[in-house]
Amino acid sequence: VELKPGSYHVMFMGVTDGFKEGETIEGTL
């Protein structure tokens, strides 16, 4: 299953510090 813009995706809700280009966001599926 491809999660991609305009289709299925995971949603980060209530982000406290916006994501900046080039950084890495840690997460757990």
mmCIF file of all heavy atoms, coordinates in Angstrom:
data_MODEL
# 
_entry.id   MODEL 
# 
loop_
_atom_site.group_PDB 
_atom_site.id 
_atom_site.type_symbol 
_atom_site.label_atom_id 
_atom_site.label_alt_id 
_atom_site.label_comp_id 
_atom_site.label_asym_id 
_atom_site.label_entity_id 
_atom_site.label_seq_id 
_atom_site.pdbx_PDB_ins_code 
_atom_site.Cartn_x 
_atom_site.Cartn_y 
_atom_site.Cartn_z 
_atom_site.occupancy 
_atom_site.B_iso_or_equiv 
_atom_site.pdbx_formal_charge 
_atom_site.auth_seq_id 
_atom_site.auth_comp_id 
_atom_site.auth_asym_id 
_atom_site.auth_atom_id 
_atom_site.pdbx_PDB_model_num 
ATOM 1   N N   . VAL A 1 1  ? 0.866  -1.172 0.000  1.00 0.00 ? 1  VAL A N   1 
ATOM 2   C CA  . VAL A 1 1  ? 0.000  0.000  0.000  1.00 0.00 ? 1  VAL A CA  1 
ATOM 3   C C   . VAL A 1 1  ? 0.903  1.223  0.000  1.00 0.00 ? 1  VAL A C   1 
ATOM 4   O O   . VAL A 1 1  ? 1.818  1.326  0.816  1.00 0.00 ? 1  VAL A O   1 
ATOM 5   C CB  . VAL A 1 1  ? -0.936 0.018  1.226  1.00 0.00 ? 1  VAL A CB  1 
ATOM 6   C CG1 . VAL A 1 1  ? -1.752 1.303  1.255  1.00 0.00 ? 1  VAL A CG1 1 
ATOM 7   C CG2 . VAL A 1 1  ? -1.848 -1.200 1.239  1.00 0.00 ? 1  VAL A CG2 1 
ATOM 8   N N   . GLU A 1 2  ? 0.635  2.134  -0.935 1.00 0.00 ? 2  GLU A N   1 
ATOM 9   C CA  . GLU A 1 2  ? 1.404  3.369  -0.997 1.00 0.00 ? 2  GLU A CA  1 
ATOM 10  C C   . GLU A 1 2  ? 0.628  4.485  -0.302 1.00 0.00 ? 2  GLU A C   1 
ATOM 11  O O   . GLU A 1 2  ? -0.516 4.758  -0.643 1.00 0.00 ? 2  GLU A O   1 
ATOM 12  C CB  . GLU A 1 2  ? 1.686  3.766  -2.445 1.00 0.00 ? 2  GLU A CB  1 
ATOM 13  C CG  . GLU A 1 2  ? 2.537  5.011  -2.542 1.00 0.00 ? 2  GLU A CG  1 
ATOM 14  C CD  . GLU A 1 2  ? 2.918  5.372  -3.966 1.00 0.00 ? 2  GLU A CD  1 
ATOM 15  O OE1 . GLU A 1 2  ? 2.388  4.769  -4.914 1.00 0.00 ? 2  GLU A OE1 1 
ATOM 16  O OE2 . GLU A 1 2  ? 3.759  6.286  -4.113 1.00 0.00 ? 2  GLU A OE2 1 
ATOM 17  N N   . LEU A 1 3  ? 1.260  5.094  0.681  1.00 0.00 ? 3  LEU A N   1 
ATOM 18  C CA  . LEU A 1 3  ? 0.722  6.274  1.336  1.00 0.00 ? 3  LEU A CA  1 
ATOM 19  C C   . LEU A 1 3  ? 1.367  7.454  0.639  1.00 0.00 ? 3  LEU A C   1 
ATOM 20  O O   . LEU A 1 3  ? 2.605  7.578  0.634  1.00 0.00 ? 3  LEU A O   1 
ATOM 21  C CB  . LEU A 1 3  ? 1.037  6.268  2.827  1.00 0.00 ? 3  LEU A CB  1 
ATOM 22  C CG  . LEU A 1 3  ? 0.230  5.279  3.681  1.00 0.00 ? 3  LEU A CG  1 
ATOM 23  C CD1 . LEU A 1 3  ? 0.677  3.841  3.487  1.00 0.00 ? 3  LEU A CD1 1 
ATOM 24  C CD2 . LEU A 1 3  ? 0.319  5.653  5.134  1.00 0.00 ? 3  LEU A CD2 1 
ATOM 25  N N   . LYS A 1 4  ? 0.547  8.303  -0.007 1.00 0.00 ? 4  LYS A N   1 
ATOM 26  C CA  . LYS A 1 4  ? 1.077  9.381  -0.836 1.00 0.00 ? 4  LYS A CA  1 
ATOM 27  C C   . LYS A 1 4  ? 0.132  10.566 -0.801 1.00 0.00 ? 4  LYS A C   1 
ATOM 28  O O   . LYS A 1 4  ? -1.040 10.430 -0.418 1.00 0.00 ? 4  LYS A O   1 
ATOM 29  C CB  . LYS A 1 4  ? 1.276  8.897  -2.267 1.00 0.00 ? 4  LYS A CB  1 
ATOM 30  C CG  . LYS A 1 4  ? -0.012 8.461  -2.942 1.00 0.00 ? 4  LYS A CG  1 
ATOM 31  C CD  . LYS A 1 4  ? 0.241  7.883  -4.319 1.00 0.00 ? 4  LYS A CD  1 
ATOM 32  C CE  . LYS A 1 4  ? -1.083 7.437  -4.947 1.00 0.00 ? 4  LYS A CE  1 
ATOM 33  N NZ  . LYS A 1 4  ? -0.874 6.858  -6.259 1.00 0.00 ? 4  LYS A NZ  1 
ATOM 34  N N   . PRO A 1 5  ? 0.618  11.738 -1.207 1.00 0.00 ? 5  PRO A N   1 
ATOM 35  C CA  . PRO A 1 5  ? -0.263 12.908 -1.238 1.00 0.00 ? 5  PRO A CA  1 
ATOM 36  C C   . PRO A 1 5  ? -1.498 12.625 -2.099 1.00 0.00 ? 5  PRO A C   1 
ATOM 37  O O   . PRO A 1 5  ? -1.408 12.007 -3.155 1.00 0.00 ? 5  PRO A O   1 
ATOM 38  C CB  . PRO A 1 5  ? 0.617  13.990 -1.879 1.00 0.00 ? 5  PRO A CB  1 
ATOM 39  C CG  . PRO A 1 5  ? 2.019  13.569 -1.535 1.00 0.00 ? 5  PRO A CG  1 
ATOM 40  C CD  . PRO A 1 5  ? 1.990  12.066 -1.596 1.00 0.00 ? 5  PRO A CD  1 
ATOM 41  N N   . GLY A 1 6  ? -2.666 13.036 -1.594 1.00 0.00 ? 6  GLY A N   1 
ATOM 42  C CA  . GLY A 1 6  ? -3.907 12.857 -2.324 1.00 0.00 ? 6  GLY A CA  1 
ATOM 43  C C   . GLY A 1 6  ? -4.528 11.486 -2.176 1.00 0.00 ? 6  GLY A C   1 
ATOM 44  O O   . GLY A 1 6  ? -5.488 11.155 -2.866 1.00 0.00 ? 6  GLY A O   1 
ATOM 45  N N   . SER A 1 7  ? -4.023 10.673 -1.265 1.00 0.00 ? 7  SER A N   1 
ATOM 46  C CA  . SER A 1 7  ? -4.508 9.298  -1.092 1.00 0.00 ? 7  SER A CA  1 
ATOM 47  C C   . SER A 1 7  ? -4.423 8.938  0.387  1.00 0.00 ? 7  SER A C   1 
ATOM 48  O O   . SER A 1 7  ? -4.699 9.741  1.253  1.00 0.00 ? 7  SER A O   1 
ATOM 49  C CB  . SER A 1 7  ? -3.660 8.363  -1.967 1.00 0.00 ? 7  SER A CB  1 
ATOM 50  O OG  . SER A 1 7  ? -4.125 7.039  -1.891 1.00 0.00 ? 7  SER A OG  1 
ATOM 51  N N   . TYR A 1 8  ? -4.019 7.709  0.670  1.00 0.00 ? 8  TYR A N   1 
ATOM 52  C CA  . TYR A 1 8  ? -3.790 7.301  2.056  1.00 0.00 ? 8  TYR A CA  1 
ATOM 53  C C   . TYR A 1 8  ? -2.561 8.023  2.591  1.00 0.00 ? 8  TYR A C   1 
ATOM 54  O O   . TYR A 1 8  ? -1.597 8.267  1.856  1.00 0.00 ? 8  TYR A O   1 
ATOM 55  C CB  . TYR A 1 8  ? -3.519 5.796  2.155  1.00 0.00 ? 8  TYR A CB  1 
ATOM 56  C CG  . TYR A 1 8  ? -4.664 4.926  1.729  1.00 0.00 ? 8  TYR A CG  1 
ATOM 57  C CD1 . TYR A 1 8  ? -4.529 4.059  0.654  1.00 0.00 ? 8  TYR A CD1 1 
ATOM 58  C CD2 . TYR A 1 8  ? -5.880 4.941  2.411  1.00 0.00 ? 8  TYR A CD2 1 
ATOM 59  C CE1 . TYR A 1 8  ? -5.569 3.240  0.259  1.00 0.00 ? 8  TYR A CE1 1 
ATOM 60  C CE2 . TYR A 1 8  ? -6.922 4.129  2.025  1.00 0.00 ? 8  TYR A CE2 1 
ATOM 61  C CZ  . TYR A 1 8  ? -6.772 3.274  0.937  1.00 0.00 ? 8  TYR A CZ  1 
ATOM 62  O OH  . TYR A 1 8  ? -7.804 2.478  0.552  1.00 0.00 ? 8  TYR A OH  1 
ATOM 63  N N   . HIS A 1 9  ? -2.575 8.347  3.885  1.00 0.00 ? 9  HIS A N   1 
ATOM 64  C CA  . HIS A 1 9  ? -1.421 8.970  4.532  1.00 0.00 ? 9  HIS A CA  1 
ATOM 65  C C   . HIS A 1 9  ? -1.593 8.895  6.043  1.00 0.00 ? 9  HIS A C   1 
ATOM 66  O O   . HIS A 1 9  ? -2.683 8.652  6.535  1.00 0.00 ? 9  HIS A O   1 
ATOM 67  C CB  . HIS A 1 9  ? -1.252 10.430 4.089  1.00 0.00 ? 9  HIS A CB  1 
ATOM 68  C CG  . HIS A 1 9  ? -2.456 11.284 4.325  1.00 0.00 ? 9  HIS A CG  1 
ATOM 69  N ND1 . HIS A 1 9  ? -3.557 11.280 3.485  1.00 0.00 ? 9  HIS A ND1 1 
ATOM 70  C CD2 . HIS A 1 9  ? -2.759 12.157 5.315  1.00 0.00 ? 9  HIS A CD2 1 
ATOM 71  C CE1 . HIS A 1 9  ? -4.468 12.117 3.945  1.00 0.00 ? 9  HIS A CE1 1 
ATOM 72  N NE2 . HIS A 1 9  ? -4.002 12.663 5.070  1.00 0.00 ? 9  HIS A NE2 1 
ATOM 73  N N   . VAL A 1 10 ? -0.488 9.072  6.760  1.00 0.00 ? 10 VAL A N   1 
ATOM 74  C CA  . VAL A 1 10 ? -0.594 9.245  8.206  1.00 0.00 ? 10 VAL A CA  1 
ATOM 75  C C   . VAL A 1 10 ? -0.687 10.747 8.443  1.00 0.00 ? 10 VAL A C   1 
ATOM 76  O O   . VAL A 1 10 ? -0.162 11.549 7.669  1.00 0.00 ? 10 VAL A O   1 
ATOM 77  C CB  . VAL A 1 10 ? 0.596  8.622  8.989  1.00 0.00 ? 10 VAL A CB  1 
ATOM 78  C CG1 . VAL A 1 10 ? 0.611  7.116  8.822  1.00 0.00 ? 10 VAL A CG1 1 
ATOM 79  C CG2 . VAL A 1 10 ? 1.921  9.221  8.588  1.00 0.00 ? 10 VAL A CG2 1 
ATOM 80  N N   . MET A 1 11 ? -1.393 11.126 9.495  1.00 0.00 ? 11 MET A N   1 
ATOM 81  C CA  . MET A 1 11 ? -1.617 12.537 9.781  1.00 0.00 ? 11 MET A CA  1 
ATOM 82  C C   . MET A 1 11 ? -1.019 12.873 11.137 1.00 0.00 ? 11 MET A C   1 
ATOM 83  O O   . MET A 1 11 ? -1.317 12.219 12.137 1.00 0.00 ? 11 MET A O   1 
ATOM 84  C CB  . MET A 1 11 ? -3.124 12.786 9.790  1.00 0.00 ? 11 MET A CB  1 
ATOM 85  C CG  . MET A 1 11 ? -3.546 14.178 9.575  1.00 0.00 ? 11 MET A CG  1 
ATOM 86  S SD  . MET A 1 11 ? -3.288 14.679 7.866  1.00 0.00 ? 11 MET A SD  1 
ATOM 87  C CE  . MET A 1 11 ? -3.607 16.401 8.076  1.00 0.00 ? 11 MET A CE  1 
ATOM 88  N N   . PHE A 1 12 ? -0.127 13.850 11.155 1.00 0.00 ? 12 PHE A N   1 
ATOM 89  C CA  . PHE A 1 12 ? 0.428  14.390 12.394 1.00 0.00 ? 12 PHE A CA  1 
ATOM 90  C C   . PHE A 1 12 ? -0.563 15.445 12.875 1.00 0.00 ? 12 PHE A C   1 
ATOM 91  O O   . PHE A 1 12 ? -0.769 16.449 12.199 1.00 0.00 ? 12 PHE A O   1 
ATOM 92  C CB  . PHE A 1 12 ? 1.781  15.053 12.143 1.00 0.00 ? 12 PHE A CB  1 
ATOM 93  C CG  . PHE A 1 12 ? 2.861  14.131 11.639 1.00 0.00 ? 12 PHE A CG  1 
ATOM 94  C CD1 . PHE A 1 12 ? 3.041  13.912 10.269 1.00 0.00 ? 12 PHE A CD1 1 
ATOM 95  C CD2 . PHE A 1 12 ? 3.710  13.502 12.525 1.00 0.00 ? 12 PHE A CD2 1 
ATOM 96  C CE1 . PHE A 1 12 ? 4.047  13.083 9.808  1.00 0.00 ? 12 PHE A CE1 1 
ATOM 97  C CE2 . PHE A 1 12 ? 4.727  12.664 12.070 1.00 0.00 ? 12 PHE A CE2 1 
ATOM 98  C CZ  . PHE A 1 12 ? 4.896  12.458 10.709 1.00 0.00 ? 12 PHE A CZ  1 
ATOM 99  N N   . MET A 1 13 ? -1.180 15.236 14.034 1.00 0.00 ? 13 MET A N   1 
ATOM 100 C CA  . MET A 1 13 ? -2.209 16.138 14.548 1.00 0.00 ? 13 MET A CA  1 
ATOM 101 C C   . MET A 1 13 ? -1.682 16.865 15.791 1.00 0.00 ? 13 MET A C   1 
ATOM 102 O O   . MET A 1 13 ? -1.133 16.237 16.689 1.00 0.00 ? 13 MET A O   1 
ATOM 103 C CB  . MET A 1 13 ? -3.467 15.353 14.921 1.00 0.00 ? 13 MET A CB  1 
ATOM 104 C CG  . MET A 1 13 ? -4.016 14.463 13.811 1.00 0.00 ? 13 MET A CG  1 
ATOM 105 S SD  . MET A 1 13 ? -4.644 15.362 12.400 1.00 0.00 ? 13 MET A SD  1 
ATOM 106 C CE  . MET A 1 13 ? -6.120 16.064 13.108 1.00 0.00 ? 13 MET A CE  1 
ATOM 107 N N   . GLY A 1 14 ? -1.874 18.174 15.839 1.00 0.00 ? 14 GLY A N   1 
ATOM 108 C CA  . GLY A 1 14 ? -1.419 18.946 16.988 1.00 0.00 ? 14 GLY A CA  1 
ATOM 109 C C   . GLY A 1 14 ? 0.091  19.065 17.041 1.00 0.00 ? 14 GLY A C   1 
ATOM 110 O O   . GLY A 1 14 ? 0.706  18.882 18.093 1.00 0.00 ? 14 GLY A O   1 
ATOM 111 N N   . VAL A 1 15 ? 0.706  19.390 15.909 1.00 0.00 ? 15 VAL A N   1 
ATOM 112 C CA  . VAL A 1 15 ? 2.162  19.562 15.853 1.00 0.00 ? 15 VAL A CA  1 
ATOM 113 C C   . VAL A 1 15 ? 2.538  20.799 16.665 1.00 0.00 ? 15 VAL A C   1 
ATOM 114 O O   . VAL A 1 15 ? 1.949  21.866 16.493 1.00 0.00 ? 15 VAL A O   1 
ATOM 115 C CB  . VAL A 1 15 ? 2.639  19.679 14.393 1.00 0.00 ? 15 VAL A CB  1 
ATOM 116 C CG1 . VAL A 1 15 ? 4.121  19.998 14.325 1.00 0.00 ? 15 VAL A CG1 1 
ATOM 117 C CG2 . VAL A 1 15 ? 2.315  18.405 13.623 1.00 0.00 ? 15 VAL A CG2 1 
ATOM 118 N N   . THR A 1 16 ? 3.498  20.633 17.558 1.00 0.00 ? 16 THR A N   1 
ATOM 119 C CA  . THR A 1 16 ? 3.892  21.734 18.438 1.00 0.00 ? 16 THR A CA  1 
ATOM 120 C C   . THR A 1 16 ? 5.036  22.568 17.862 1.00 0.00 ? 16 THR A C   1 
ATOM 121 O O   . THR A 1 16 ? 5.132  23.750 18.132 1.00 0.00 ? 16 THR A O   1 
ATOM 122 C CB  . THR A 1 16 ? 4.312  21.184 19.807 1.00 0.00 ? 16 THR A CB  1 
ATOM 123 O OG1 . THR A 1 16 ? 5.303  20.173 19.613 1.00 0.00 ? 16 THR A OG1 1 
ATOM 124 C CG2 . THR A 1 16 ? 3.114  20.584 20.532 1.00 0.00 ? 16 THR A CG2 1 
ATOM 125 N N   . ASP A 1 17 ? 5.907  21.962 17.078 1.00 0.00 ? 17 ASP A N   1 
ATOM 126 C CA  . ASP A 1 17 ? 7.045  22.656 16.479 1.00 0.00 ? 17 ASP A CA  1 
ATOM 127 C C   . ASP A 1 17 ? 7.090  22.222 15.013 1.00 0.00 ? 17 ASP A C   1 
ATOM 128 O O   . ASP A 1 17 ? 7.432  21.085 14.708 1.00 0.00 ? 17 ASP A O   1 
ATOM 129 C CB  . ASP A 1 17 ? 8.326  22.262 17.222 1.00 0.00 ? 17 ASP A CB  1 
ATOM 130 C CG  . ASP A 1 17 ? 9.557  22.969 16.692 1.00 0.00 ? 17 ASP A CG  1 
ATOM 131 O OD1 . ASP A 1 17 ? 9.419  24.044 16.077 1.00 0.00 ? 17 ASP A OD1 1 
ATOM 132 O OD2 . ASP A 1 17 ? 10.661 22.435 16.881 1.00 0.00 ? 17 ASP A OD2 1 
ATOM 133 N N   . GLY A 1 18 ? 6.705  23.132 14.115 1.00 0.00 ? 18 GLY A N   1 
ATOM 134 C CA  . GLY A 1 18 ? 6.596  22.808 12.688 1.00 0.00 ? 18 GLY A CA  1 
ATOM 135 C C   . GLY A 1 18 ? 7.831  22.135 12.119 1.00 0.00 ? 18 GLY A C   1 
ATOM 136 O O   . GLY A 1 18 ? 8.954  22.395 12.542 1.00 0.00 ? 18 GLY A O   1 
ATOM 137 N N   . PHE A 1 19 ? 7.614  21.261 11.154 1.00 0.00 ? 19 PHE A N   1 
ATOM 138 C CA  . PHE A 1 19 ? 8.695  20.515 10.509 1.00 0.00 ? 19 PHE A CA  1 
ATOM 139 C C   . PHE A 1 19 ? 9.436  21.434 9.543  1.00 0.00 ? 19 PHE A C   1 
ATOM 140 O O   . PHE A 1 19 ? 8.820  22.182 8.786  1.00 0.00 ? 19 PHE A O   1 
ATOM 141 C CB  . PHE A 1 19 ? 8.154  19.315 9.746  1.00 0.00 ? 19 PHE A CB  1 
ATOM 142 C CG  . PHE A 1 19 ? 7.266  18.401 10.554 1.00 0.00 ? 19 PHE A CG  1 
ATOM 143 C CD1 . PHE A 1 19 ? 6.380  17.553 9.912  1.00 0.00 ? 19 PHE A CD1 1 
ATOM 144 C CD2 . PHE A 1 19 ? 7.312  18.358 11.939 1.00 0.00 ? 19 PHE A CD2 1 
ATOM 145 C CE1 . PHE A 1 19 ? 5.560  16.690 10.625 1.00 0.00 ? 19 PHE A CE1 1 
ATOM 146 C CE2 . PHE A 1 19 ? 6.498  17.501 12.667 1.00 0.00 ? 19 PHE A CE2 1 
ATOM 147 C CZ  . PHE A 1 19 ? 5.618  16.666 12.003 1.00 0.00 ? 19 PHE A CZ  1 
ATOM 148 N N   . LYS A 1 20 ? 10.766 21.318 9.545  1.00 0.00 ? 20 LYS A N   1 
ATOM 149 C CA  . LYS A 1 20 ? 11.604 22.136 8.687  1.00 0.00 ? 20 LYS A CA  1 
ATOM 150 C C   . LYS A 1 20 ? 12.324 21.253 7.666  1.00 0.00 ? 20 LYS A C   1 
ATOM 151 O O   . LYS A 1 20 ? 12.786 20.174 7.996  1.00 0.00 ? 20 LYS A O   1 
ATOM 152 C CB  . LYS A 1 20 ? 12.611 22.910 9.531  1.00 0.00 ? 20 LYS A CB  1 
ATOM 153 C CG  . LYS A 1 20 ? 11.924 23.930 10.435 1.00 0.00 ? 20 LYS A CG  1 
ATOM 154 C CD  . LYS A 1 20 ? 12.862 24.474 11.488 1.00 0.00 ? 20 LYS A CD  1 
ATOM 155 C CE  . LYS A 1 20 ? 12.126 25.355 12.479 1.00 0.00 ? 20 LYS A CE  1 
ATOM 156 N NZ  . LYS A 1 20 ? 11.061 24.702 13.206 1.00 0.00 ? 20 LYS A NZ  1 
ATOM 157 N N   . GLU A 1 21 ? 12.385 21.747 6.439  1.00 0.00 ? 21 GLU A N   1 
ATOM 158 C CA  . GLU A 1 21 ? 13.024 20.990 5.371  1.00 0.00 ? 21 GLU A CA  1 
ATOM 159 C C   . GLU A 1 21 ? 14.424 20.553 5.772  1.00 0.00 ? 21 GLU A C   1 
ATOM 160 O O   . GLU A 1 21 ? 15.194 21.326 6.335  1.00 0.00 ? 21 GLU A O   1 
ATOM 161 C CB  . GLU A 1 21 ? 13.081 21.837 4.097  1.00 0.00 ? 21 GLU A CB  1 
ATOM 162 C CG  . GLU A 1 21 ? 13.593 21.068 2.904  1.00 0.00 ? 21 GLU A CG  1 
ATOM 163 C CD  . GLU A 1 21 ? 13.485 21.836 1.602  1.00 0.00 ? 21 GLU A CD  1 
ATOM 164 O OE1 . GLU A 1 21 ? 12.912 22.945 1.573  1.00 0.00 ? 21 GLU A OE1 1 
ATOM 165 O OE2 . GLU A 1 21 ? 13.993 21.314 0.589  1.00 0.00 ? 21 GLU A OE2 1 
ATOM 166 N N   . GLY A 1 22 ? 14.727 19.284 5.508  1.00 0.00 ? 22 GLY A N   1 
ATOM 167 C CA  . GLY A 1 22 ? 16.046 18.738 5.792  1.00 0.00 ? 22 GLY A CA  1 
ATOM 168 C C   . GLY A 1 22 ? 16.154 18.028 7.128  1.00 0.00 ? 22 GLY A C   1 
ATOM 169 O O   . GLY A 1 22 ? 17.089 17.266 7.342  1.00 0.00 ? 22 GLY A O   1 
ATOM 170 N N   . GLU A 1 23 ? 15.215 18.260 8.038  1.00 0.00 ? 23 GLU A N   1 
ATOM 171 C CA  . GLU A 1 23 ? 15.300 17.573 9.324  1.00 0.00 ? 23 GLU A CA  1 
ATOM 172 C C   . GLU A 1 23 ? 14.649 16.189 9.235  1.00 0.00 ? 23 GLU A C   1 
ATOM 173 O O   . GLU A 1 23 ? 14.063 15.824 8.228  1.00 0.00 ? 23 GLU A O   1 
ATOM 174 C CB  . GLU A 1 23 ? 14.717 18.407 10.456 1.00 0.00 ? 23 GLU A CB  1 
ATOM 175 C CG  . GLU A 1 23 ? 13.218 18.512 10.502 1.00 0.00 ? 23 GLU A CG  1 
ATOM 176 C CD  . GLU A 1 23 ? 12.718 19.287 11.720 1.00 0.00 ? 23 GLU A CD  1 
ATOM 177 O OE1 . GLU A 1 23 ? 13.376 19.278 12.786 1.00 0.00 ? 23 GLU A OE1 1 
ATOM 178 O OE2 . GLU A 1 23 ? 11.662 19.913 11.609 1.00 0.00 ? 23 GLU A OE2 1 
ATOM 179 N N   . THR A 1 24 ? 14.777 15.429 10.309 1.00 0.00 ? 24 THR A N   1 
ATOM 180 C CA  . THR A 1 24 ? 14.205 14.094 10.406 1.00 0.00 ? 24 THR A CA  1 
ATOM 181 C C   . THR A 1 24 ? 13.241 14.074 11.582 1.00 0.00 ? 24 THR A C   1 
ATOM 182 O O   . THR A 1 24 ? 13.561 14.563 12.660 1.00 0.00 ? 24 THR A O   1 
ATOM 183 C CB  . THR A 1 24 ? 15.332 13.049 10.630 1.00 0.00 ? 24 THR A CB  1 
ATOM 184 O OG1 . THR A 1 24 ? 16.236 13.125 9.520  1.00 0.00 ? 24 THR A OG1 1 
ATOM 185 C CG2 . THR A 1 24 ? 14.774 11.654 10.709 1.00 0.00 ? 24 THR A CG2 1 
ATOM 186 N N   . ILE A 1 25 ? 12.051 13.502 11.355 1.00 0.00 ? 25 ILE A N   1 
ATOM 187 C CA  . ILE A 1 25 ? 11.021 13.419 12.388 1.00 0.00 ? 25 ILE A CA  1 
ATOM 188 C C   . ILE A 1 25 ? 10.907 11.967 12.844 1.00 0.00 ? 25 ILE A C   1 
ATOM 189 O O   . ILE A 1 25 ? 10.580 11.079 12.053 1.00 0.00 ? 25 ILE A O   1 
ATOM 190 C CB  . ILE A 1 25 ? 9.645  13.900 11.850 1.00 0.00 ? 25 ILE A CB  1 
ATOM 191 C CG1 . ILE A 1 25 ? 9.754  15.292 11.217 1.00 0.00 ? 25 ILE A CG1 1 
ATOM 192 C CG2 . ILE A 1 25 ? 8.585  13.832 12.935 1.00 0.00 ? 25 ILE A CG2 1 
ATOM 193 C CD1 . ILE A 1 25 ? 10.254 16.379 12.138 1.00 0.00 ? 25 ILE A CD1 1 
ATOM 194 N N   . GLU A 1 26 ? 11.212 11.723 14.110 1.00 0.00 ? 26 GLU A N   1 
ATOM 195 C CA  . GLU A 1 26 ? 11.109 10.372 14.667 1.00 0.00 ? 26 GLU A CA  1 
ATOM 196 C C   . GLU A 1 26 ? 9.646  10.015 14.895 1.00 0.00 ? 26 GLU A C   1 
ATOM 197 O O   . GLU A 1 26 ? 8.845  10.866 15.286 1.00 0.00 ? 26 GLU A O   1 
ATOM 198 C CB  . GLU A 1 26 ? 11.871 10.287 15.992 1.00 0.00 ? 26 GLU A CB  1 
ATOM 199 C CG  . GLU A 1 26 ? 13.348 10.603 15.890 1.00 0.00 ? 26 GLU A CG  1 
ATOM 200 C CD  . GLU A 1 26 ? 14.122 9.618  15.037 1.00 0.00 ? 26 GLU A CD  1 
ATOM 201 O OE1 . GLU A 1 26 ? 13.811 8.412  15.084 1.00 0.00 ? 26 GLU A OE1 1 
ATOM 202 O OE2 . GLU A 1 26 ? 15.038 10.059 14.315 1.00 0.00 ? 26 GLU A OE2 1 
ATOM 203 N N   . GLY A 1 27 ? 9.305  8.771  14.655 1.00 0.00 ? 27 GLY A N   1 
ATOM 204 C CA  . GLY A 1 27 ? 7.946  8.313  14.875 1.00 0.00 ? 27 GLY A CA  1 
ATOM 205 C C   . GLY A 1 27 ? 7.906  6.808  15.053 1.00 0.00 ? 27 GLY A C   1 
ATOM 206 O O   . GLY A 1 27 ? 8.919  6.119  14.865 1.00 0.00 ? 27 GLY A O   1 
ATOM 207 N N   . THR A 1 28 ? 6.754  6.302  15.420 1.00 0.00 ? 28 THR A N   1 
ATOM 208 C CA  . THR A 1 28 ? 6.537  4.869  15.566 1.00 0.00 ? 28 THR A CA  1 
ATOM 209 C C   . THR A 1 28 ? 5.209  4.525  14.913 1.00 0.00 ? 28 THR A C   1 
ATOM 210 O O   . THR A 1 28 ? 4.172  5.098  15.270 1.00 0.00 ? 28 THR A O   1 
ATOM 211 C CB  . THR A 1 28 ? 6.501  4.469  17.056 1.00 0.00 ? 28 THR A CB  1 
ATOM 212 O OG1 . THR A 1 28 ? 7.748  4.847  17.657 1.00 0.00 ? 28 THR A OG1 1 
ATOM 213 C CG2 . THR A 1 28 ? 6.286  2.977  17.219 1.00 0.00 ? 28 THR A CG2 1 
ATOM 214 N N   . LEU A 1 29 ? 5.254  3.623  13.941 1.00 0.00 ? 29 LEU A N   1 
ATOM 215 C CA  . LEU A 1 29 ? 4.027  3.115  13.352 1.00 0.00 ? 29 LEU A CA  1 
ATOM 216 C C   . LEU A 1 29 ? 3.541  1.968  14.216 1.00 0.00 ? 29 LEU A C   1 
ATOM 217 O O   . LEU A 1 29 ? 4.334  1.143  14.670 1.00 0.00 ? 29 LEU A O   1 
ATOM 218 C CB  . LEU A 1 29 ? 4.271  2.606  11.929 1.00 0.00 ? 29 LEU A CB  1 
ATOM 219 C CG  . LEU A 1 29 ? 4.758  3.643  10.918 1.00 0.00 ? 29 LEU A CG  1 
ATOM 220 C CD1 . LEU A 1 29 ? 5.008  2.971  9.572  1.00 0.00 ? 29 LEU A CD1 1 
ATOM 221 C CD2 . LEU A 1 29 ? 3.776  4.788  10.780 1.00 0.00 ? 29 LEU A CD2 1 
# 
